[in-house]
Structure formats: structure tokens, C-alpha cells
Amino acid sequence: MSAAYSIPAAPVTVSSDIKRSEFITCIAHTPGREAVMAFIQSCREAHPKANHHCYAFIAGAPYDDTSHGSSDDGEPAGSAGRPMLNVLSHSGIGEITVVVIRYFGGIKLGVGGLVRAYSQSTQDGLKELLLQQFTPRFPLWLRCDYSTHAQLLRRLPEWDAKVEQEHFAVDITLCMAVPSALRDQACQSLLQLGCQLCDPPA
């Protein structure tokens, strides 16, 4: 069963100076890897002269390890991306990307200093982040006649459901997005209404 989780409600940018290096932390809501890559690229374009654009992301649910990733972007291996991802992994936030941009100030921090700097920069960004709750939804395709359609729409709040697509012909084929926890209840009620579960239209 897919549980609800927090996602970023708005982008955040914070900055700090650590031993003359400037660290700029940018955070955004990124639902999927395509959004992750687009956000990272936008940060590179906004700061083309920065020495490093290190990042960590969770492209999906926080409990889905396959959606996690990170990069040191030229910093010593394991000194930036992995510590950033460790902070994200313990935050319980999904669909999030953090990019920490570093302008080198001339003083080397060492691997331990870099781990602390990138971890702290990520934590500082998360402290400023506004969150909203996201409930994963299961797509449910069904077919009904026109008289049943009106009854179905009235009962959507009962299943916390949203209509994603509708196709009108002799009858109506539609796709509802239903929270996973309410899927079985919705299916049973829909069948009682006279709806038929079906495959997506070709």
C-alpha cells in the first residue's frame, strides 16, 4: 500500500559562507527524473561560473530507493552528493532535488569539512522549506452509461477520487485517480452503481 508523504510546496534558495567559500542551496519539487535533470540544468545555467554544482534527489516516494541519486560534481568522492542524500533520506520528503552550488574561496576544507559543509547546507535549506502532503493515487479505468455518470461524480469525495480523463461515446469511459488505500472500497461501490471496470482505450 502506498503511503502519503510530504513534498516541497515552493522552491527555496539559501546561502552561507564557510571559510570564504560561498555555498548556495537550491531546492525544488521534482516529480520524476526528467524534472530532476531540468532543475539541475537550470541551476547550472543560473551559476555558470561556480566551481561545483553538487546535488542529491529523490524523484519519487521517499521510501522508494530506486528513485534516489546524487553527484559530487568534481568534489572528492563521497564528500558532497552522498552526505546531501543522507540528509534527504532521513527527511521523509519525496519528489525533491537539492543542488548545492559552491564558489571556491581559496581555502581547502578537506573531505571531512566538505561533508559537514554540504550536509549543513542541505539541512539549512530544508529548514526553510514549506511542505504539502501528497497522496499517491491509483488509476482506475471504468465504463458507465450517462445516467450513472452523474451519480458517480457526486460520490467522488467518498473515495477521495479525481477524474483524470473522460471519453464520451455511446457510453462513457473514464479514468479515476483513487488513493491506494481506498481502491478496493471504490471498486466495490462502482460495481454496485452498475459501472464496469475496463482497460484504457487504445
N, C-alpha and C. Protein backbone atom coordinates (compact mmCIF):
# COMPACT_ATOMS: atom_id res chain seq x y z
N MET A 1 0.84 -1.19 0.00
CA MET A 1 0.00 0.00 0.00
C MET A 1 0.88 1.24 0.00
N SER A 2 0.62 2.20 -0.87
CA SER A 2 1.44 3.41 -0.96
C SER A 2 0.96 4.43 0.04
N ALA A 3 1.86 4.85 0.93
CA ALA A 3 1.51 5.80 1.97
C ALA A 3 1.70 7.23 1.48
N ALA A 4 0.98 8.15 2.11
CA ALA A 4 1.14 9.57 1.81
C ALA A 4 2.49 10.05 2.32
N TYR A 5 3.01 11.10 1.68
CA TYR A 5 4.28 11.66 2.12
C TYR A 5 4.33 13.16 1.79
N SER A 6 5.31 13.84 2.36
CA SER A 6 5.46 15.28 2.15
C SER A 6 6.26 15.56 0.90
N ILE A 7 5.91 16.67 0.21
CA ILE A 7 6.66 17.15 -0.95
C ILE A 7 6.85 18.66 -0.80
N PRO A 8 7.84 19.25 -1.48
CA PRO A 8 8.03 20.70 -1.41
C PRO A 8 6.83 21.44 -1.98
N ALA A 9 6.41 22.49 -1.26
CA ALA A 9 5.29 23.31 -1.73
C ALA A 9 5.76 24.47 -2.58
N ALA A 10 7.02 24.88 -2.44
CA ALA A 10 7.56 26.01 -3.19
C ALA A 10 9.08 25.91 -3.20
N PRO A 11 9.73 26.47 -4.23
CA PRO A 11 11.20 26.42 -4.26
C PRO A 11 11.81 27.24 -3.13
N VAL A 12 13.04 26.88 -2.77
CA VAL A 12 13.78 27.58 -1.71
C VAL A 12 15.23 27.78 -2.16
N THR A 13 15.79 28.94 -1.83
CA THR A 13 17.21 29.20 -2.04
C THR A 13 17.78 29.86 -0.79
N VAL A 14 18.84 29.29 -0.25
CA VAL A 14 19.54 29.88 0.90
C VAL A 14 21.03 29.85 0.60
N SER A 15 21.79 30.71 1.27
CA SER A 15 23.24 30.74 1.04
C SER A 15 23.98 30.93 2.35
N SER A 16 25.25 30.49 2.37
CA SER A 16 26.09 30.67 3.54
C SER A 16 27.55 30.72 3.10
N ASP A 17 28.39 31.34 3.92
CA ASP A 17 29.83 31.40 3.66
C ASP A 17 30.55 30.51 4.67
N ILE A 18 31.38 29.61 4.16
CA ILE A 18 32.15 28.71 5.01
C ILE A 18 33.60 28.80 4.57
N LYS A 19 34.45 29.42 5.41
CA LYS A 19 35.87 29.60 5.11
C LYS A 19 36.07 30.18 3.72
N ARG A 20 35.36 31.27 3.48
CA ARG A 20 35.46 32.07 2.25
C ARG A 20 34.78 31.45 1.03
N SER A 21 34.36 30.19 1.12
CA SER A 21 33.59 29.60 0.02
C SER A 21 32.12 29.94 0.21
N GLU A 22 31.46 30.29 -0.89
CA GLU A 22 30.02 30.54 -0.83
C GLU A 22 29.27 29.28 -1.23
N PHE A 23 28.34 28.87 -0.39
CA PHE A 23 27.50 27.71 -0.68
C PHE A 23 26.06 28.19 -0.87
N ILE A 24 25.51 27.95 -2.04
CA ILE A 24 24.13 28.34 -2.35
C ILE A 24 23.30 27.08 -2.50
N THR A 25 22.30 26.94 -1.66
CA THR A 25 21.44 25.75 -1.67
C THR A 25 20.12 26.06 -2.35
N CYS A 26 19.81 25.30 -3.39
CA CYS A 26 18.56 25.47 -4.14
C CYS A 26 17.76 24.17 -4.04
N ILE A 27 16.49 24.30 -3.69
CA ILE A 27 15.61 23.13 -3.53
C ILE A 27 14.34 23.34 -4.33
N ALA A 28 13.86 22.27 -4.97
CA ALA A 28 12.62 22.37 -5.74
C ALA A 28 11.86 21.05 -5.71
N HIS A 29 10.58 21.14 -6.01
CA HIS A 29 9.73 19.96 -6.19
C HIS A 29 10.01 19.38 -7.56
N THR A 30 10.43 18.12 -7.61
CA THR A 30 10.78 17.48 -8.88
C THR A 30 10.12 16.10 -8.98
N PRO A 31 8.91 16.04 -9.51
CA PRO A 31 8.19 14.75 -9.62
C PRO A 31 8.66 13.95 -10.83
N GLY A 32 9.73 13.19 -10.67
CA GLY A 32 10.25 12.37 -11.76
C GLY A 32 11.64 12.82 -12.19
N ARG A 33 12.38 11.89 -12.80
CA ARG A 33 13.78 12.16 -13.16
C ARG A 33 13.92 13.25 -14.22
N GLU A 34 12.96 13.38 -15.10
CA GLU A 34 13.04 14.44 -16.10
C GLU A 34 13.02 15.82 -15.42
N ALA A 35 12.15 15.98 -14.42
CA ALA A 35 12.08 17.23 -13.67
C ALA A 35 13.36 17.45 -12.88
N VAL A 36 13.94 16.36 -12.34
CA VAL A 36 15.20 16.46 -11.60
C VAL A 36 16.29 17.04 -12.50
N MET A 37 16.47 16.44 -13.67
CA MET A 37 17.53 16.88 -14.58
C MET A 37 17.32 18.31 -15.07
N ALA A 38 16.06 18.67 -15.30
CA ALA A 38 15.76 20.03 -15.75
C ALA A 38 16.11 21.04 -14.67
N PHE A 39 15.83 20.72 -13.41
CA PHE A 39 16.13 21.65 -12.32
C PHE A 39 17.64 21.79 -12.14
N ILE A 40 18.37 20.68 -12.18
CA ILE A 40 19.83 20.74 -12.06
C ILE A 40 20.42 21.59 -13.17
N GLN A 41 19.93 21.42 -14.39
CA GLN A 41 20.42 22.21 -15.52
C GLN A 41 20.13 23.69 -15.33
N SER A 42 18.95 24.00 -14.79
CA SER A 42 18.60 25.41 -14.56
C SER A 42 19.54 26.04 -13.53
N CYS A 43 19.96 25.26 -12.54
CA CYS A 43 20.91 25.77 -11.53
C CYS A 43 22.28 26.00 -12.16
N ARG A 44 22.69 25.10 -13.03
CA ARG A 44 23.97 25.29 -13.73
C ARG A 44 23.95 26.55 -14.59
N GLU A 45 22.84 26.76 -15.25
CA GLU A 45 22.72 27.93 -16.12
C GLU A 45 22.66 29.23 -15.32
N ALA A 46 22.08 29.17 -14.11
CA ALA A 46 21.98 30.36 -13.27
C ALA A 46 23.32 30.72 -12.63
N HIS A 47 24.20 29.71 -12.48
CA HIS A 47 25.51 29.94 -11.85
C HIS A 47 26.60 29.28 -12.69
N PRO A 48 26.83 29.77 -13.91
CA PRO A 48 27.78 29.10 -14.81
C PRO A 48 29.24 29.19 -14.35
N LYS A 49 29.56 30.14 -13.51
CA LYS A 49 30.96 30.34 -13.08
C LYS A 49 31.27 29.66 -11.75
N ALA A 50 30.29 28.98 -11.17
CA ALA A 50 30.53 28.27 -9.90
C ALA A 50 31.48 27.10 -10.13
N ASN A 51 32.21 26.73 -9.09
CA ASN A 51 33.18 25.64 -9.21
C ASN A 51 32.50 24.27 -9.18
N HIS A 52 31.41 24.16 -8.42
CA HIS A 52 30.73 22.86 -8.29
C HIS A 52 29.23 23.06 -8.20
N HIS A 53 28.50 22.11 -8.79
CA HIS A 53 27.03 22.06 -8.68
C HIS A 53 26.68 20.65 -8.18
N CYS A 54 26.86 20.42 -6.90
CA CYS A 54 26.61 19.10 -6.32
C CYS A 54 25.11 18.94 -6.05
N TYR A 55 24.63 17.72 -6.17
CA TYR A 55 23.18 17.54 -5.99
C TYR A 55 22.83 16.19 -5.41
N ALA A 56 21.62 16.13 -4.88
CA ALA A 56 21.01 14.89 -4.41
C ALA A 56 19.52 14.99 -4.69
N PHE A 57 18.89 13.86 -4.99
CA PHE A 57 17.46 13.91 -5.32
C PHE A 57 16.76 12.63 -4.90
N ILE A 58 15.46 12.78 -4.68
CA ILE A 58 14.53 11.66 -4.53
C ILE A 58 13.41 11.96 -5.52
N ALA A 59 13.40 11.25 -6.62
CA ALA A 59 12.49 11.58 -7.72
C ALA A 59 11.06 11.11 -7.50
N GLY A 60 10.88 10.21 -6.54
CA GLY A 60 9.53 9.68 -6.27
C GLY A 60 9.24 9.68 -4.79
N ALA A 61 8.66 8.60 -4.31
CA ALA A 61 8.34 8.48 -2.89
C ALA A 61 9.63 8.33 -2.08
N PRO A 62 9.67 8.88 -0.86
CA PRO A 62 10.90 8.80 -0.06
C PRO A 62 11.29 7.38 0.30
N TYR A 63 10.31 6.46 0.33
CA TYR A 63 10.60 5.07 0.68
C TYR A 63 10.97 4.22 -0.54
N ASP A 64 11.05 4.83 -1.73
CA ASP A 64 11.42 4.12 -2.95
C ASP A 64 12.89 4.36 -3.25
N ASP A 65 13.76 3.43 -2.84
CA ASP A 65 15.21 3.61 -3.00
C ASP A 65 15.63 3.73 -4.46
N THR A 66 14.84 3.21 -5.37
CA THR A 66 15.22 3.26 -6.79
C THR A 66 15.09 4.66 -7.38
N SER A 67 14.46 5.58 -6.65
CA SER A 67 14.29 6.94 -7.17
C SER A 67 15.33 7.92 -6.62
N HIS A 68 16.34 7.41 -5.88
CA HIS A 68 17.34 8.26 -5.25
C HIS A 68 18.58 8.39 -6.13
N GLY A 69 19.29 9.52 -6.02
CA GLY A 69 20.54 9.71 -6.75
C GLY A 69 21.30 10.91 -6.24
N SER A 70 22.60 10.99 -6.57
CA SER A 70 23.41 12.12 -6.12
C SER A 70 24.65 12.26 -6.98
N SER A 71 25.34 13.41 -6.85
CA SER A 71 26.58 13.65 -7.58
C SER A 71 27.48 14.58 -6.78
N ASP A 72 28.81 14.26 -6.78
CA ASP A 72 29.80 15.13 -6.13
C ASP A 72 30.26 16.25 -7.06
N ASP A 73 30.00 16.12 -8.35
CA ASP A 73 30.34 17.13 -9.36
C ASP A 73 31.76 17.69 -9.16
N GLY A 74 32.74 16.81 -9.09
CA GLY A 74 34.12 17.25 -9.05
C GLY A 74 34.71 17.38 -7.65
N GLU A 75 33.88 17.37 -6.62
CA GLU A 75 34.41 17.35 -5.26
C GLU A 75 34.94 15.93 -4.98
N PRO A 76 35.80 15.76 -3.97
CA PRO A 76 36.29 14.41 -3.65
C PRO A 76 35.14 13.42 -3.46
N ALA A 77 35.35 12.20 -3.93
CA ALA A 77 34.29 11.19 -3.91
C ALA A 77 33.72 11.00 -2.51
N GLY A 78 32.39 11.07 -2.42
CA GLY A 78 31.70 10.84 -1.17
C GLY A 78 31.65 12.04 -0.23
N SER A 79 32.14 13.20 -0.69
CA SER A 79 32.20 14.36 0.20
C SER A 79 31.03 15.31 0.06
N ALA A 80 30.20 15.13 -0.98
CA ALA A 80 29.12 16.10 -1.23
C ALA A 80 27.78 15.43 -1.49
N GLY A 81 27.66 14.77 -2.62
CA GLY A 81 26.37 14.19 -3.02
C GLY A 81 25.83 13.18 -2.04
N ARG A 82 26.68 12.27 -1.57
CA ARG A 82 26.22 11.24 -0.65
C ARG A 82 25.78 11.82 0.70
N PRO A 83 26.56 12.73 1.30
CA PRO A 83 26.07 13.35 2.55
C PRO A 83 24.77 14.13 2.36
N MET A 84 24.61 14.79 1.22
CA MET A 84 23.37 15.50 0.94
C MET A 84 22.20 14.52 0.86
N LEU A 85 22.43 13.40 0.16
CA LEU A 85 21.37 12.40 0.01
C LEU A 85 21.03 11.77 1.35
N ASN A 86 22.02 11.62 2.21
CA ASN A 86 21.77 11.06 3.54
C ASN A 86 20.81 11.96 4.32
N VAL A 87 21.00 13.28 4.22
CA VAL A 87 20.09 14.22 4.88
C VAL A 87 18.69 14.09 4.29
N LEU A 88 18.59 14.03 2.96
CA LEU A 88 17.29 13.90 2.31
C LEU A 88 16.60 12.61 2.72
N SER A 89 17.36 11.52 2.76
CA SER A 89 16.77 10.21 3.04
C SER A 89 16.15 10.14 4.43
N HIS A 90 16.64 10.96 5.34
CA HIS A 90 16.11 10.97 6.71
C HIS A 90 15.05 12.05 6.91
N SER A 91 14.73 12.78 5.84
CA SER A 91 13.76 13.88 5.96
C SER A 91 12.31 13.42 5.79
N GLY A 92 12.11 12.27 5.12
CA GLY A 92 10.76 11.81 4.84
C GLY A 92 10.08 12.57 3.72
N ILE A 93 10.84 13.37 2.97
CA ILE A 93 10.29 14.18 1.88
C ILE A 93 10.54 13.48 0.56
N GLY A 94 9.55 13.47 -0.32
CA GLY A 94 9.69 12.88 -1.64
C GLY A 94 9.62 13.93 -2.74
N GLU A 95 9.94 13.50 -3.96
CA GLU A 95 9.86 14.36 -5.15
C GLU A 95 10.62 15.66 -4.93
N ILE A 96 11.88 15.55 -4.51
CA ILE A 96 12.67 16.70 -4.13
C ILE A 96 14.07 16.61 -4.69
N THR A 97 14.61 17.74 -5.11
CA THR A 97 16.01 17.83 -5.54
C THR A 97 16.67 18.99 -4.81
N VAL A 98 17.88 18.73 -4.30
CA VAL A 98 18.70 19.77 -3.67
C VAL A 98 19.98 19.92 -4.48
N VAL A 99 20.27 21.13 -4.91
CA VAL A 99 21.52 21.46 -5.59
C VAL A 99 22.28 22.44 -4.71
N VAL A 100 23.50 22.08 -4.31
CA VAL A 100 24.35 23.00 -3.55
C VAL A 100 25.47 23.48 -4.47
N ILE A 101 25.46 24.76 -4.72
CA ILE A 101 26.39 25.41 -5.64
C ILE A 101 27.53 26.01 -4.81
N ARG A 102 28.77 25.71 -5.18
CA ARG A 102 29.91 26.21 -4.42
C ARG A 102 30.80 27.11 -5.27
N TYR A 103 31.04 28.29 -4.76
CA TYR A 103 32.06 29.19 -5.30
C TYR A 103 33.26 29.08 -4.37
N PHE A 104 34.35 28.50 -4.87
CA PHE A 104 35.52 28.23 -4.05
C PHE A 104 36.20 29.53 -3.62
N GLY A 105 36.50 29.62 -2.32
CA GLY A 105 37.07 30.85 -1.78
C GLY A 105 38.56 30.82 -1.52
N GLY A 106 39.23 29.71 -1.91
CA GLY A 106 40.67 29.66 -1.79
C GLY A 106 41.19 28.85 -0.62
N ILE A 107 40.31 28.46 0.30
CA ILE A 107 40.73 27.66 1.45
C ILE A 107 40.13 26.26 1.32
N LYS A 108 41.00 25.25 1.26
CA LYS A 108 40.52 23.87 1.15
C LYS A 108 39.92 23.42 2.47
N LEU A 109 38.79 22.72 2.39
CA LEU A 109 38.08 22.28 3.60
C LEU A 109 38.44 20.86 4.02
N GLY A 110 39.04 20.10 3.13
CA GLY A 110 39.27 18.68 3.41
C GLY A 110 37.98 17.89 3.27
N VAL A 111 38.11 16.58 3.15
CA VAL A 111 36.93 15.75 2.94
C VAL A 111 35.95 15.89 4.10
N GLY A 112 36.44 15.83 5.33
CA GLY A 112 35.55 15.96 6.48
C GLY A 112 34.85 17.30 6.52
N GLY A 113 35.58 18.36 6.19
CA GLY A 113 34.98 19.69 6.17
C GLY A 113 33.94 19.83 5.09
N LEU A 114 34.20 19.19 3.94
CA LEU A 114 33.22 19.23 2.84
C LEU A 114 31.95 18.47 3.21
N VAL A 115 32.11 17.31 3.83
CA VAL A 115 30.94 16.53 4.28
C VAL A 115 30.07 17.37 5.19
N ARG A 116 30.71 18.05 6.15
CA ARG A 116 29.95 18.89 7.08
C ARG A 116 29.30 20.07 6.36
N ALA A 117 30.03 20.69 5.43
CA ALA A 117 29.52 21.87 4.73
C ALA A 117 28.31 21.53 3.86
N TYR A 118 28.41 20.43 3.10
CA TYR A 118 27.31 20.06 2.21
C TYR A 118 26.11 19.52 3.00
N SER A 119 26.39 18.80 4.08
CA SER A 119 25.29 18.32 4.93
C SER A 119 24.56 19.50 5.56
N GLN A 120 25.33 20.44 6.11
CA GLN A 120 24.72 21.59 6.77
C GLN A 120 23.96 22.46 5.79
N SER A 121 24.50 22.64 4.58
CA SER A 121 23.82 23.44 3.57
C SER A 121 22.46 22.83 3.21
N THR A 122 22.43 21.50 3.10
CA THR A 122 21.17 20.81 2.81
C THR A 122 20.19 20.96 3.96
N GLN A 123 20.68 20.80 5.18
CA GLN A 123 19.81 20.95 6.36
C GLN A 123 19.26 22.37 6.46
N ASP A 124 20.10 23.36 6.16
CA ASP A 124 19.66 24.76 6.22
C ASP A 124 18.55 25.03 5.20
N GLY A 125 18.69 24.43 4.01
CA GLY A 125 17.64 24.59 3.01
C GLY A 125 16.33 23.95 3.42
N LEU A 126 16.42 22.75 4.00
CA LEU A 126 15.21 22.05 4.43
C LEU A 126 14.48 22.79 5.55
N LYS A 127 15.25 23.49 6.40
CA LYS A 127 14.62 24.26 7.48
C LYS A 127 13.70 25.36 6.94
N GLU A 128 14.03 25.88 5.76
CA GLU A 128 13.25 26.96 5.17
C GLU A 128 12.15 26.46 4.24
N LEU A 129 12.08 25.17 4.02
CA LEU A 129 11.18 24.60 3.02
C LEU A 129 9.76 24.47 3.54
N LEU A 130 8.80 24.95 2.75
CA LEU A 130 7.39 24.72 3.04
C LEU A 130 6.97 23.40 2.40
N LEU A 131 6.17 22.63 3.13
CA LEU A 131 5.78 21.31 2.67
C LEU A 131 4.28 21.20 2.47
N GLN A 132 3.89 20.26 1.63
CA GLN A 132 2.48 19.90 1.49
C GLN A 132 2.39 18.39 1.42
N GLN A 133 1.23 17.86 1.75
CA GLN A 133 1.04 16.41 1.77
C GLN A 133 0.62 15.92 0.40
N PHE A 134 1.22 14.81 0.00
CA PHE A 134 0.88 14.19 -1.29
C PHE A 134 0.41 12.76 -1.05
N THR A 135 -0.73 12.42 -1.64
CA THR A 135 -1.28 11.07 -1.52
C THR A 135 -1.17 10.35 -2.86
N PRO A 136 -0.37 9.29 -2.96
CA PRO A 136 -0.28 8.53 -4.21
C PRO A 136 -1.65 7.99 -4.61
N ARG A 137 -1.94 8.07 -5.89
CA ARG A 137 -3.25 7.63 -6.38
C ARG A 137 -3.10 6.55 -7.45
N PHE A 138 -4.07 5.66 -7.48
CA PHE A 138 -4.07 4.53 -8.38
C PHE A 138 -5.04 4.81 -9.54
N PRO A 139 -4.60 4.70 -10.80
CA PRO A 139 -5.52 4.94 -11.92
C PRO A 139 -6.53 3.80 -12.07
N LEU A 140 -7.79 4.16 -12.16
CA LEU A 140 -8.87 3.17 -12.25
C LEU A 140 -9.73 3.51 -13.46
N TRP A 141 -9.69 2.65 -14.47
CA TRP A 141 -10.50 2.86 -15.68
C TRP A 141 -11.83 2.14 -15.55
N LEU A 142 -12.89 2.81 -15.98
CA LEU A 142 -14.21 2.18 -15.91
C LEU A 142 -15.13 2.73 -17.01
N ARG A 143 -16.20 2.00 -17.20
CA ARG A 143 -17.18 2.37 -18.22
C ARG A 143 -18.56 2.45 -17.56
N CYS A 144 -19.34 3.47 -17.91
CA CYS A 144 -20.68 3.60 -17.35
C CYS A 144 -21.60 4.27 -18.36
N ASP A 145 -22.92 4.21 -18.13
CA ASP A 145 -23.85 4.90 -19.02
C ASP A 145 -24.04 6.34 -18.50
N TYR A 146 -24.74 7.13 -19.28
CA TYR A 146 -24.86 8.55 -18.96
C TYR A 146 -25.66 8.80 -17.68
N SER A 147 -26.64 7.96 -17.42
CA SER A 147 -27.45 8.17 -16.21
C SER A 147 -26.64 7.86 -14.94
N THR A 148 -25.73 6.90 -15.03
CA THR A 148 -24.89 6.56 -13.88
C THR A 148 -23.79 7.59 -13.66
N HIS A 149 -23.40 8.24 -14.72
CA HIS A 149 -22.27 9.19 -14.67
C HIS A 149 -22.49 10.27 -13.61
N ALA A 150 -23.71 10.83 -13.58
CA ALA A 150 -23.99 11.90 -12.61
C ALA A 150 -23.89 11.40 -11.17
N GLN A 151 -24.39 10.18 -10.94
CA GLN A 151 -24.29 9.61 -9.58
C GLN A 151 -22.82 9.40 -9.20
N LEU A 152 -22.05 8.93 -10.15
CA LEU A 152 -20.63 8.67 -9.90
C LEU A 152 -19.90 9.96 -9.48
N LEU A 153 -20.15 11.04 -10.22
CA LEU A 153 -19.48 12.31 -9.92
C LEU A 153 -19.83 12.82 -8.52
N ARG A 154 -21.07 12.60 -8.11
CA ARG A 154 -21.49 13.05 -6.78
C ARG A 154 -20.77 12.29 -5.67
N ARG A 155 -20.34 11.06 -5.97
CA ARG A 155 -19.74 10.21 -4.94
C ARG A 155 -18.21 10.27 -4.92
N LEU A 156 -17.62 11.07 -5.78
CA LEU A 156 -16.15 11.15 -5.83
C LEU A 156 -15.53 11.49 -4.47
N PRO A 157 -16.09 12.45 -3.69
CA PRO A 157 -15.49 12.77 -2.40
C PRO A 157 -15.46 11.57 -1.44
N GLU A 158 -16.40 10.65 -1.62
CA GLU A 158 -16.46 9.47 -0.75
C GLU A 158 -15.19 8.62 -0.87
N TRP A 159 -14.59 8.64 -2.07
CA TRP A 159 -13.37 7.85 -2.30
C TRP A 159 -12.13 8.74 -2.44
N ASP A 160 -12.28 10.03 -2.15
CA ASP A 160 -11.19 11.00 -2.34
C ASP A 160 -10.60 10.86 -3.75
N ALA A 161 -11.50 10.73 -4.72
CA ALA A 161 -11.09 10.43 -6.09
C ALA A 161 -11.17 11.67 -6.99
N LYS A 162 -10.37 11.63 -8.05
CA LYS A 162 -10.37 12.70 -9.05
C LYS A 162 -10.50 12.09 -10.44
N VAL A 163 -11.31 12.71 -11.29
CA VAL A 163 -11.44 12.24 -12.67
C VAL A 163 -10.28 12.82 -13.49
N GLU A 164 -9.48 11.93 -14.08
CA GLU A 164 -8.31 12.35 -14.86
C GLU A 164 -8.63 12.48 -16.34
N GLN A 165 -9.44 11.55 -16.86
CA GLN A 165 -9.79 11.57 -18.30
C GLN A 165 -11.23 11.09 -18.45
N GLU A 166 -11.86 11.59 -19.51
CA GLU A 166 -13.21 11.12 -19.86
C GLU A 166 -13.33 11.03 -21.37
N HIS A 167 -13.95 9.96 -21.85
CA HIS A 167 -14.20 9.77 -23.28
C HIS A 167 -15.69 9.48 -23.47
N PHE A 168 -16.37 10.34 -24.21
CA PHE A 168 -17.82 10.24 -24.39
C PHE A 168 -18.13 9.62 -25.75
N ALA A 169 -18.89 8.54 -25.73
CA ALA A 169 -19.34 7.88 -26.97
C ALA A 169 -20.76 7.35 -26.68
N VAL A 170 -21.04 6.11 -27.09
CA VAL A 170 -22.34 5.51 -26.76
C VAL A 170 -22.50 5.44 -25.24
N ASP A 171 -21.41 5.13 -24.57
CA ASP A 171 -21.36 5.24 -23.12
C ASP A 171 -20.12 6.07 -22.76
N ILE A 172 -19.78 6.14 -21.49
CA ILE A 172 -18.67 6.98 -21.04
C ILE A 172 -17.57 6.11 -20.47
N THR A 173 -16.35 6.30 -20.97
CA THR A 173 -15.17 5.65 -20.42
C THR A 173 -14.35 6.72 -19.71
N LEU A 174 -14.00 6.45 -18.47
CA LEU A 174 -13.24 7.46 -17.74
C LEU A 174 -12.18 6.83 -16.86
N CYS A 175 -11.20 7.67 -16.50
CA CYS A 175 -10.13 7.26 -15.61
C CYS A 175 -10.23 8.07 -14.33
N MET A 176 -10.33 7.36 -13.21
CA MET A 176 -10.35 7.99 -11.89
C MET A 176 -9.02 7.74 -11.20
N ALA A 177 -8.51 8.75 -10.50
CA ALA A 177 -7.32 8.58 -9.67
C ALA A 177 -7.80 8.41 -8.23
N VAL A 178 -7.54 7.23 -7.67
CA VAL A 178 -8.05 6.88 -6.34
C VAL A 178 -6.89 6.56 -5.42
N PRO A 179 -6.89 7.08 -4.19
CA PRO A 179 -5.84 6.69 -3.23
C PRO A 179 -5.78 5.18 -3.09
N SER A 180 -4.58 4.66 -3.02
CA SER A 180 -4.42 3.20 -2.95
C SER A 180 -5.20 2.58 -1.82
N ALA A 181 -5.27 3.28 -0.68
CA ALA A 181 -5.96 2.73 0.49
C ALA A 181 -7.45 2.60 0.28
N LEU A 182 -8.01 3.37 -0.67
CA LEU A 182 -9.47 3.35 -0.89
C LEU A 182 -9.84 2.65 -2.20
N ARG A 183 -8.88 2.04 -2.85
CA ARG A 183 -9.14 1.42 -4.15
C ARG A 183 -10.20 0.33 -4.08
N ASP A 184 -10.05 -0.61 -3.15
CA ASP A 184 -11.00 -1.73 -3.06
C ASP A 184 -12.41 -1.24 -2.75
N GLN A 185 -12.50 -0.27 -1.85
CA GLN A 185 -13.80 0.29 -1.50
C GLN A 185 -14.44 0.95 -2.72
N ALA A 186 -13.64 1.70 -3.48
CA ALA A 186 -14.16 2.38 -4.66
C ALA A 186 -14.62 1.37 -5.71
N CYS A 187 -13.83 0.32 -5.93
CA CYS A 187 -14.20 -0.69 -6.93
C CYS A 187 -15.53 -1.35 -6.57
N GLN A 188 -15.70 -1.71 -5.31
CA GLN A 188 -16.94 -2.35 -4.88
C GLN A 188 -18.14 -1.43 -5.08
N SER A 189 -17.99 -0.16 -4.71
CA SER A 189 -19.09 0.80 -4.86
C SER A 189 -19.41 1.06 -6.32
N LEU A 190 -18.39 1.12 -7.16
CA LEU A 190 -18.61 1.38 -8.58
C LEU A 190 -19.36 0.22 -9.24
N LEU A 191 -19.00 -0.99 -8.87
CA LEU A 191 -19.71 -2.15 -9.42
C LEU A 191 -21.18 -2.15 -8.98
N GLN A 192 -21.43 -1.73 -7.74
CA GLN A 192 -22.81 -1.65 -7.25
C GLN A 192 -23.60 -0.58 -7.99
N LEU A 193 -22.91 0.46 -8.45
CA LEU A 193 -23.58 1.51 -9.24
C LEU A 193 -23.92 1.05 -10.66
N GLY A 194 -23.29 -0.04 -11.08
CA GLY A 194 -23.52 -0.53 -12.44
C GLY A 194 -22.39 -0.20 -13.39
N CYS A 195 -21.26 0.30 -12.86
CA CYS A 195 -20.11 0.59 -13.70
C CYS A 195 -19.34 -0.71 -13.97
N GLN A 196 -18.57 -0.69 -15.05
CA GLN A 196 -17.74 -1.84 -15.41
C GLN A 196 -16.28 -1.40 -15.42
N LEU A 197 -15.43 -2.13 -14.74
CA LEU A 197 -14.00 -1.85 -14.81
C LEU A 197 -13.50 -2.28 -16.19
N CYS A 198 -12.57 -1.51 -16.75
CA CYS A 198 -12.13 -1.80 -18.11
C CYS A 198 -10.67 -1.38 -18.29
N ASP A 199 -10.12 -1.71 -19.44
CA ASP A 199 -8.76 -1.30 -19.79
C ASP A 199 -8.78 0.10 -20.40
N PRO A 200 -7.63 0.81 -20.38
CA PRO A 200 -7.57 2.13 -21.04
C PRO A 200 -7.89 2.00 -22.52
N PRO A 201 -8.52 3.03 -23.10
CA PRO A 201 -8.81 2.97 -24.54
C PRO A 201 -7.54 2.90 -25.37
N ALA A 202 -7.61 2.20 -26.46
CA ALA A 202 -6.42 2.03 -27.33
C ALA A 202 -6.08 3.36 -27.99
